[in-house]
C-alpha atoms as a PDB file:
ATOM      1  CA  UNK A   1     -12.469  -0.839  -2.599  1.00  0.00           C
ATOM      2  CA  UNK A   2     -11.111  -3.920  -4.298  1.00  0.00           C
ATOM      3  CA  UNK A   3      -8.278  -4.896  -1.931  1.00  0.00           C
ATOM      4  CA  UNK A   4      -7.099  -4.114   1.611  1.00  0.00           C
ATOM      5  CA  UNK A   5      -3.838  -5.104   3.283  1.00  0.00           C
ATOM      6  CA  UNK A   6      -2.257  -4.318   6.668  1.00  0.00           C
ATOM      7  CA  UNK A   7       1.469  -3.762   6.220  1.00  0.00           C
ATOM      8  CA  UNK A   8       2.436  -5.575   9.416  1.00  0.00           C
ATOM      9  CA  UNK A   9       4.518  -5.002  11.535  1.00  0.00           C
ATOM     10  CA  UNK A  10       3.961  -1.344  10.591  1.00  0.00           C
ATOM     11  CA  UNK A  11       0.697   0.335  11.645  1.00  0.00           C
ATOM     12  CA  UNK A  12      -0.262   1.052   8.042  1.00  0.00           C
ATOM     13  CA  UNK A  13      -3.223  -0.151   6.010  1.00  0.00           C
ATOM     14  CA  UNK A  14      -3.235   0.020   2.226  1.00  0.00           C
ATOM     15  CA  UNK A  15      -6.493   0.059   0.294  1.00  0.00           C
ATOM     16  CA  UNK A  16      -6.932  -0.132  -3.466  1.00  0.00           C
ATOM     17  CA  UNK A  17      -9.887   0.647  -5.679  1.00  0.00           C
ATOM     18  CA  UNK A  18     -11.169  -0.167  -9.152  1.00  0.00           C
ATOM     19  CA  UNK A  19      -9.597   3.020 -10.530  1.00  0.00           C
ATOM     20  CA  UNK A  20      -6.087   1.942  -9.543  1.00  0.00           C
ATOM     21  CA  UNK A  21      -5.714   4.302  -6.585  1.00  0.00           C
ATOM     22  CA  UNK A  22      -3.710   3.053  -3.595  1.00  0.00           C
ATOM     23  CA  UNK A  23      -4.278   4.842  -0.264  1.00  0.00           C
ATOM     24  CA  UNK A  24      -2.026   4.388   2.755  1.00  0.00           C
ATOM     25  CA  UNK A  25      -3.412   5.260   6.209  1.00  0.00           C
ATOM     26  CA  UNK A  26      -1.920   4.960   9.674  1.00  0.00           C
ATOM     27  CA  UNK A  27      -3.895   2.715  12.023  1.00  0.00           C
ATOM     28  CA  UNK A  28      -4.036   2.015  15.748  1.00  0.00           C
ATOM     29  CA  UNK A  29      -1.693   1.976  17.736  1.00  0.00           C
ATOM     30  CA  UNK A  30      -0.045   4.845  15.783  1.00  0.00           C
ATOM     31  CA  UNK A  31      -0.570   8.097  17.681  1.00  0.00           C
ATOM     32  CA  UNK A  32      -1.907   9.789  14.539  1.00  0.00           C
ATOM     33  CA  UNK A  33      -4.150   6.903  13.453  1.00  0.00           C
ATOM     34  CA  UNK A  34      -6.508   7.412  10.477  1.00  0.00           C
ATOM     35  CA  UNK A  35      -4.064   9.863   8.867  1.00  0.00           C
ATOM     36  CA  UNK A  36      -3.555   9.505   5.115  1.00  0.00           C
ATOM     37  CA  UNK A  37       0.195   9.295   4.566  1.00  0.00           C
ATOM     38  CA  UNK A  38       0.353   8.536   0.838  1.00  0.00           C
ATOM     39  CA  UNK A  39      -1.683   8.152  -2.329  1.00  0.00           C
ATOM     40  CA  UNK A  40      -0.346   6.383  -5.421  1.00  0.00           C
ATOM     41  CA  UNK A  41      -1.776   5.371  -8.767  1.00  0.00           C
ATOM     42  CA  UNK A  42      -1.147   1.893 -10.114  1.00  0.00           C
ATOM     43  CA  UNK A  43      -0.161   2.900 -13.637  1.00  0.00           C
ATOM     44  CA  UNK A  44      -0.771   0.344 -16.346  1.00  0.00           C
ATOM     45  CA  UNK A  45       2.288  -1.326 -17.828  1.00  0.00           C
ATOM     46  CA  UNK A  46       0.526  -1.189 -21.207  1.00  0.00           C
ATOM     47  CA  UNK A  47      -0.300   2.527 -21.037  1.00  0.00           C
ATOM     48  CA  UNK A  48       1.521   4.668 -18.460  1.00  0.00           C
ATOM     49  CA  UNK A  49      -1.203   7.342 -18.592  1.00  0.00           C
ATOM     50  CA  UNK A  50      -3.949   4.935 -17.481  1.00  0.00           C
ATOM     51  CA  UNK A  51      -4.377   3.459 -14.022  1.00  0.00           C
ATOM     52  CA  UNK A  52      -5.137  -0.245 -13.595  1.00  0.00           C
ATOM     53  CA  UNK A  53      -7.517  -1.555 -10.946  1.00  0.00           C
ATOM     54  CA  UNK A  54      -5.756  -3.486  -8.169  1.00  0.00           C
ATOM     55  CA  UNK A  55      -7.459  -6.717  -7.090  1.00  0.00           C
ATOM     56  CA  UNK A  56      -4.794  -8.354  -4.954  1.00  0.00           C
ATOM     57  CA  UNK A  57      -1.841  -7.258  -2.844  1.00  0.00           C
ATOM     58  CA  UNK A  58       1.004  -8.909  -0.992  1.00  0.00           C
ATOM     59  CA  UNK A  59       3.607  -7.465   1.373  1.00  0.00           C
ATOM     60  CA  UNK A  60       7.224  -8.347   2.112  1.00  0.00           C
ATOM     61  CA  UNK A  61       8.126  -6.468   5.300  1.00  0.00           C
ATOM     62  CA  UNK A  62      11.767  -7.577   5.147  1.00  0.00           C
ATOM     63  CA  UNK A  63      12.234  -5.895   1.768  1.00  0.00           C
ATOM     64  CA  UNK A  64       9.607  -3.110   2.149  1.00  0.00           C
ATOM     65  CA  UNK A  65       7.977  -4.300  -1.092  1.00  0.00           C
ATOM     66  CA  UNK A  66       4.281  -4.120  -1.941  1.00  0.00           C
ATOM     67  CA  UNK A  67       3.096  -6.442  -4.717  1.00  0.00           C
ATOM     68  CA  UNK A  68      -0.038  -5.449  -6.627  1.00  0.00           C
ATOM     69  CA  UNK A  69      -1.999  -7.657  -9.038  1.00  0.00           C
ATOM     70  CA  UNK A  70      -4.081  -5.620 -11.465  1.00  0.00           C
ATOM     71  CA  UNK A  71      -7.102  -6.115 -13.700  1.00  0.00           C
ATOM     72  CA  UNK A  72      -5.036  -7.201 -16.723  1.00  0.00           C
ATOM     73  CA  UNK A  73      -2.950  -9.789 -14.841  1.00  0.00           C
ATOM     74  CA  UNK A  74       0.193  -7.728 -14.365  1.00  0.00           C
ATOM     75  CA  UNK A  75       2.004  -7.785 -11.027  1.00  0.00           C
ATOM     76  CA  UNK A  76       3.744  -4.547 -10.083  1.00  0.00           C
ATOM     77  CA  UNK A  77       6.213  -4.080  -7.250  1.00  0.00           C
ATOM     78  CA  UNK A  78       6.379  -0.858  -5.239  1.00  0.00           C
ATOM     79  CA  UNK A  79       9.150  -0.134  -2.750  1.00  0.00           C
ATOM     80  CA  UNK A  80       7.754   1.518   0.376  1.00  0.00           C
ATOM     81  CA  UNK A  81      11.074   1.854   2.202  1.00  0.00           C
ATOM     82  CA  UNK A  82      11.407   5.630   1.644  1.00  0.00           C
ATOM     83  CA  UNK A  83       7.748   6.241   2.514  1.00  0.00           C
ATOM     84  CA  UNK A  84       8.066   4.383   5.816  1.00  0.00           C
ATOM     85  CA  UNK A  85      11.367   6.120   6.652  1.00  0.00           C
ATOM     86  CA  UNK A  86      10.207   9.618   5.623  1.00  0.00           C
ATOM     87  CA  UNK A  87       6.955   9.344   7.595  1.00  0.00           C
ATOM     88  CA  UNK A  88       8.886   7.942  10.574  1.00  0.00           C
ATOM     89  CA  UNK A  89       6.620   4.927  10.977  1.00  0.00           C
ATOM     90  CA  UNK A  90       8.012   2.261  13.274  1.00  0.00           C
ATOM     91  CA  UNK A  91       7.123  -1.421  13.697  1.00  0.00           C
ATOM     92  CA  UNK A  92       4.733  -2.393  16.465  1.00  0.00           C
ATOM     93  CA  UNK A  93       4.461  -5.684  18.326  1.00  0.00           C
ATOM     94  CA  UNK A  94       0.686  -5.752  18.650  1.00  0.00           C
ATOM     95  CA  UNK A  95      -2.309  -4.107  16.989  1.00  0.00           C
ATOM     96  CA  UNK A  96      -4.519  -4.236  20.103  1.00  0.00           C
END
């Protein structure tokens, strides 16, 4: 794992690895915590058949956008609005 980010205020954690795989899991207090809800590959902008390792991530909850910085210095932007809506994940006030 090269990067981890909680997508607050949603009970979702995103992890990335050196192969460019992004995993999205539900976390406490979601009733179905630890469930994998999505898996994406961070495809290289230089070669769309190769994944790029993700080393940093940022999250804009107002816009539902995940920013990923990869191993060649490219920042990609992924909209998670449909994922969050389709999985019916709702914001929480506290992660206790």
